[in-house]
N, C-alpha and C. Protein backbone atom coordinates (compact mmCIF):
# COMPACT_ATOMS: atom_id res chain seq x y z
N MET A 1 -26.29 113.07 -3.52
CA MET A 1 -26.72 112.21 -4.59
C MET A 1 -28.07 111.59 -4.29
N THR A 2 -28.44 111.49 -3.06
CA THR A 2 -29.72 110.84 -2.74
C THR A 2 -30.90 111.66 -3.23
N ARG A 3 -30.76 112.97 -3.27
CA ARG A 3 -31.86 113.79 -3.80
C ARG A 3 -32.04 113.59 -5.30
N TRP A 4 -30.97 113.40 -6.00
CA TRP A 4 -31.04 113.20 -7.45
C TRP A 4 -31.66 111.86 -7.80
N GLY A 5 -31.33 110.86 -7.05
CA GLY A 5 -31.75 109.51 -7.39
C GLY A 5 -30.74 108.89 -8.33
N ARG A 6 -30.56 107.62 -8.22
CA ARG A 6 -29.53 106.92 -9.00
C ARG A 6 -29.79 107.03 -10.51
N GLU A 7 -31.02 106.82 -10.94
CA GLU A 7 -31.32 106.82 -12.37
C GLU A 7 -31.06 108.19 -13.01
N LYS A 8 -31.51 109.25 -12.35
CA LYS A 8 -31.29 110.59 -12.90
C LYS A 8 -29.80 110.92 -12.93
N PHE A 9 -29.07 110.51 -11.91
CA PHE A 9 -27.63 110.76 -11.86
C PHE A 9 -26.91 110.05 -13.00
N ILE A 10 -27.23 108.77 -13.22
CA ILE A 10 -26.59 108.00 -14.29
C ILE A 10 -26.96 108.57 -15.65
N ASN A 11 -28.23 108.92 -15.86
CA ASN A 11 -28.64 109.51 -17.14
C ASN A 11 -27.91 110.82 -17.40
N THR A 12 -27.71 111.62 -16.36
CA THR A 12 -26.98 112.88 -16.50
C THR A 12 -25.53 112.62 -16.88
N LEU A 13 -24.91 111.63 -16.23
CA LEU A 13 -23.52 111.29 -16.57
C LEU A 13 -23.41 110.82 -18.01
N LEU A 14 -24.35 109.99 -18.46
CA LEU A 14 -24.31 109.50 -19.84
C LEU A 14 -24.51 110.64 -20.83
N TYR A 15 -25.42 111.56 -20.52
CA TYR A 15 -25.63 112.72 -21.39
C TYR A 15 -24.36 113.57 -21.47
N LEU A 16 -23.74 113.82 -20.33
CA LEU A 16 -22.53 114.63 -20.32
C LEU A 16 -21.39 113.95 -21.06
N GLN A 17 -21.29 112.63 -20.96
CA GLN A 17 -20.27 111.89 -21.69
C GLN A 17 -20.49 112.02 -23.20
N ALA A 18 -21.74 111.90 -23.64
CA ALA A 18 -22.06 112.03 -25.06
C ALA A 18 -21.77 113.45 -25.55
N ALA A 19 -22.12 114.44 -24.74
CA ALA A 19 -21.87 115.84 -25.11
C ALA A 19 -20.37 116.11 -25.20
N ALA A 20 -19.59 115.57 -24.27
CA ALA A 20 -18.14 115.76 -24.29
C ALA A 20 -17.53 115.10 -25.52
N ALA A 21 -18.00 113.89 -25.85
CA ALA A 21 -17.49 113.19 -27.03
C ALA A 21 -17.81 113.98 -28.31
N ASN A 22 -19.02 114.51 -28.38
CA ASN A 22 -19.42 115.30 -29.54
C ASN A 22 -18.59 116.58 -29.64
N ASN A 23 -18.33 117.22 -28.53
CA ASN A 23 -17.50 118.43 -28.53
C ASN A 23 -16.07 118.12 -28.95
N MET A 24 -15.52 117.01 -28.46
CA MET A 24 -14.16 116.62 -28.83
C MET A 24 -14.09 116.31 -30.32
N LEU A 25 -15.10 115.65 -30.84
CA LEU A 25 -15.16 115.36 -32.27
C LEU A 25 -15.13 116.66 -33.07
N GLY A 26 -15.87 117.65 -32.58
CA GLY A 26 -15.89 118.95 -33.25
C GLY A 26 -14.54 119.65 -33.23
N LEU A 27 -13.75 119.38 -32.21
CA LEU A 27 -12.42 119.98 -32.14
C LEU A 27 -11.42 119.25 -33.05
N LEU A 28 -11.62 117.96 -33.23
CA LEU A 28 -10.66 117.16 -33.99
C LEU A 28 -10.93 117.14 -35.50
N LEU A 29 -12.20 117.27 -35.88
CA LEU A 29 -12.57 117.16 -37.29
C LEU A 29 -13.22 118.44 -37.79
N ARG A 30 -13.16 118.63 -39.10
CA ARG A 30 -13.88 119.75 -39.70
C ARG A 30 -15.37 119.43 -39.71
N GLU A 31 -16.17 120.46 -39.85
CA GLU A 31 -17.63 120.29 -39.84
C GLU A 31 -18.11 119.37 -40.97
N ASP A 32 -17.43 119.44 -42.13
CA ASP A 32 -17.84 118.59 -43.25
C ASP A 32 -17.42 117.13 -43.08
N GLN A 33 -16.69 116.82 -42.01
CA GLN A 33 -16.28 115.44 -41.73
C GLN A 33 -17.17 114.78 -40.68
N ILE A 34 -18.21 115.46 -40.26
CA ILE A 34 -19.08 114.95 -39.19
C ILE A 34 -20.52 114.91 -39.69
N LEU A 35 -21.15 113.80 -39.48
CA LEU A 35 -22.59 113.67 -39.74
C LEU A 35 -23.22 113.00 -38.52
N ARG A 36 -24.05 113.71 -37.83
CA ARG A 36 -24.71 113.18 -36.64
C ARG A 36 -26.21 113.14 -36.90
N LEU A 37 -26.79 111.98 -36.68
CA LEU A 37 -28.23 111.81 -36.84
C LEU A 37 -28.86 111.60 -35.47
N ASN A 38 -29.85 112.38 -35.15
CA ASN A 38 -30.57 112.29 -33.88
C ASN A 38 -32.05 112.17 -34.16
N PHE A 39 -32.77 111.54 -33.27
CA PHE A 39 -34.21 111.53 -33.40
C PHE A 39 -34.82 112.22 -32.19
N GLU A 40 -35.97 112.81 -32.40
CA GLU A 40 -36.69 113.51 -31.35
C GLU A 40 -37.57 112.52 -30.59
N SER A 41 -37.72 112.75 -29.30
CA SER A 41 -38.58 111.91 -28.48
C SER A 41 -39.36 112.80 -27.52
N ASP A 42 -40.63 112.48 -27.37
CA ASP A 42 -41.47 113.25 -26.45
C ASP A 42 -41.23 112.88 -25.00
N VAL A 43 -40.69 111.70 -24.77
CA VAL A 43 -40.45 111.21 -23.41
C VAL A 43 -39.00 110.79 -23.28
N ALA A 44 -38.53 110.75 -22.05
CA ALA A 44 -37.18 110.28 -21.80
C ALA A 44 -37.09 108.79 -22.13
N ILE A 45 -35.99 108.39 -22.69
CA ILE A 45 -35.79 106.99 -23.07
C ILE A 45 -34.77 106.38 -22.12
N ALA A 46 -35.17 105.32 -21.46
CA ALA A 46 -34.27 104.64 -20.52
C ALA A 46 -33.15 103.96 -21.30
N MET A 47 -31.94 104.13 -20.85
CA MET A 47 -30.79 103.57 -21.55
C MET A 47 -30.69 102.06 -21.39
N ASP A 48 -31.29 101.51 -20.34
CA ASP A 48 -31.10 100.08 -20.06
C ASP A 48 -32.39 99.27 -20.20
N ASP A 49 -33.37 99.78 -20.92
CA ASP A 49 -34.65 99.09 -21.09
C ASP A 49 -34.62 98.33 -22.41
N VAL A 50 -34.37 97.02 -22.35
CA VAL A 50 -34.29 96.22 -23.57
C VAL A 50 -35.66 96.09 -24.24
N GLY A 51 -36.73 96.43 -23.54
CA GLY A 51 -38.07 96.38 -24.12
C GLY A 51 -38.26 97.43 -25.21
N LEU A 52 -37.37 98.41 -25.26
CA LEU A 52 -37.46 99.47 -26.26
C LEU A 52 -36.72 99.12 -27.55
N PHE A 53 -36.12 97.95 -27.59
CA PHE A 53 -35.28 97.56 -28.72
C PHE A 53 -36.00 97.73 -30.06
N HIS A 54 -37.19 97.17 -30.19
CA HIS A 54 -37.90 97.23 -31.47
C HIS A 54 -38.29 98.66 -31.83
N ASP A 55 -38.65 99.46 -30.84
CA ASP A 55 -38.98 100.87 -31.08
C ASP A 55 -37.75 101.62 -31.58
N LEU A 56 -36.60 101.36 -30.97
CA LEU A 56 -35.37 102.04 -31.39
C LEU A 56 -34.95 101.62 -32.80
N ILE A 57 -35.11 100.35 -33.13
CA ILE A 57 -34.80 99.88 -34.48
C ILE A 57 -35.73 100.56 -35.48
N SER A 58 -37.00 100.67 -35.14
CA SER A 58 -37.96 101.34 -36.01
C SER A 58 -37.59 102.80 -36.23
N ARG A 59 -37.20 103.48 -35.16
CA ARG A 59 -36.79 104.89 -35.27
C ARG A 59 -35.54 105.02 -36.13
N ALA A 60 -34.59 104.09 -35.96
CA ALA A 60 -33.36 104.12 -36.76
C ALA A 60 -33.67 103.90 -38.24
N ASP A 61 -34.56 102.95 -38.53
CA ASP A 61 -34.95 102.71 -39.93
C ASP A 61 -35.59 103.95 -40.54
N LYS A 62 -36.47 104.59 -39.77
CA LYS A 62 -37.15 105.80 -40.26
C LYS A 62 -36.14 106.92 -40.51
N ASP A 63 -35.24 107.12 -39.56
CA ASP A 63 -34.23 108.18 -39.72
C ASP A 63 -33.28 107.88 -40.88
N PHE A 64 -32.93 106.60 -41.05
CA PHE A 64 -32.05 106.23 -42.15
C PHE A 64 -32.74 106.53 -43.49
N THR A 65 -34.02 106.14 -43.59
CA THR A 65 -34.76 106.40 -44.83
C THR A 65 -34.89 107.89 -45.08
N TYR A 66 -35.24 108.64 -44.06
CA TYR A 66 -35.43 110.08 -44.18
C TYR A 66 -34.12 110.79 -44.52
N SER A 67 -33.01 110.29 -43.98
CA SER A 67 -31.71 110.97 -44.15
C SER A 67 -30.83 110.30 -45.20
N ALA A 68 -31.37 109.40 -46.00
CA ALA A 68 -30.56 108.65 -46.97
C ALA A 68 -29.78 109.57 -47.90
N GLY A 69 -30.39 110.62 -48.38
CA GLY A 69 -29.70 111.56 -49.26
C GLY A 69 -28.53 112.23 -48.57
N LYS A 70 -28.75 112.64 -47.33
CA LYS A 70 -27.69 113.28 -46.55
C LYS A 70 -26.52 112.31 -46.31
N ILE A 71 -26.88 111.08 -45.99
CA ILE A 71 -25.85 110.06 -45.72
C ILE A 71 -25.06 109.76 -46.99
N LYS A 72 -25.75 109.63 -48.10
CA LYS A 72 -25.08 109.34 -49.37
C LYS A 72 -24.13 110.48 -49.74
N ALA A 73 -24.61 111.71 -49.60
CA ALA A 73 -23.75 112.86 -49.91
C ALA A 73 -22.54 112.91 -49.00
N PHE A 74 -22.75 112.62 -47.73
CA PHE A 74 -21.65 112.63 -46.76
C PHE A 74 -20.61 111.58 -47.13
N LEU A 75 -21.07 110.37 -47.42
CA LEU A 75 -20.14 109.28 -47.75
C LEU A 75 -19.43 109.48 -49.08
N SER A 76 -20.08 110.16 -50.00
CA SER A 76 -19.44 110.39 -51.31
C SER A 76 -18.33 111.44 -51.23
N THR A 77 -18.36 112.28 -50.23
CA THR A 77 -17.29 113.29 -50.07
C THR A 77 -16.14 112.77 -49.23
N ALA A 78 -16.33 111.64 -48.58
CA ALA A 78 -15.28 111.09 -47.69
C ALA A 78 -14.15 110.49 -48.46
């Protein structure tokens, strides 16, 4: 573990946990029951950096606005 470094190890664990949760969701629900919104980033985003709060809120607002039609359609079929 010392070669990996603590931060890289924890980030890998968090990524694997998210991937496992997404895979389990895919097994439990039909494809039309799942809507996942992701944003692209050119750099790695630290999970514990509270200084990124405003940037993340801005990205969420942008994605919500961009995906509003998709979200509305998804919620109307639920």
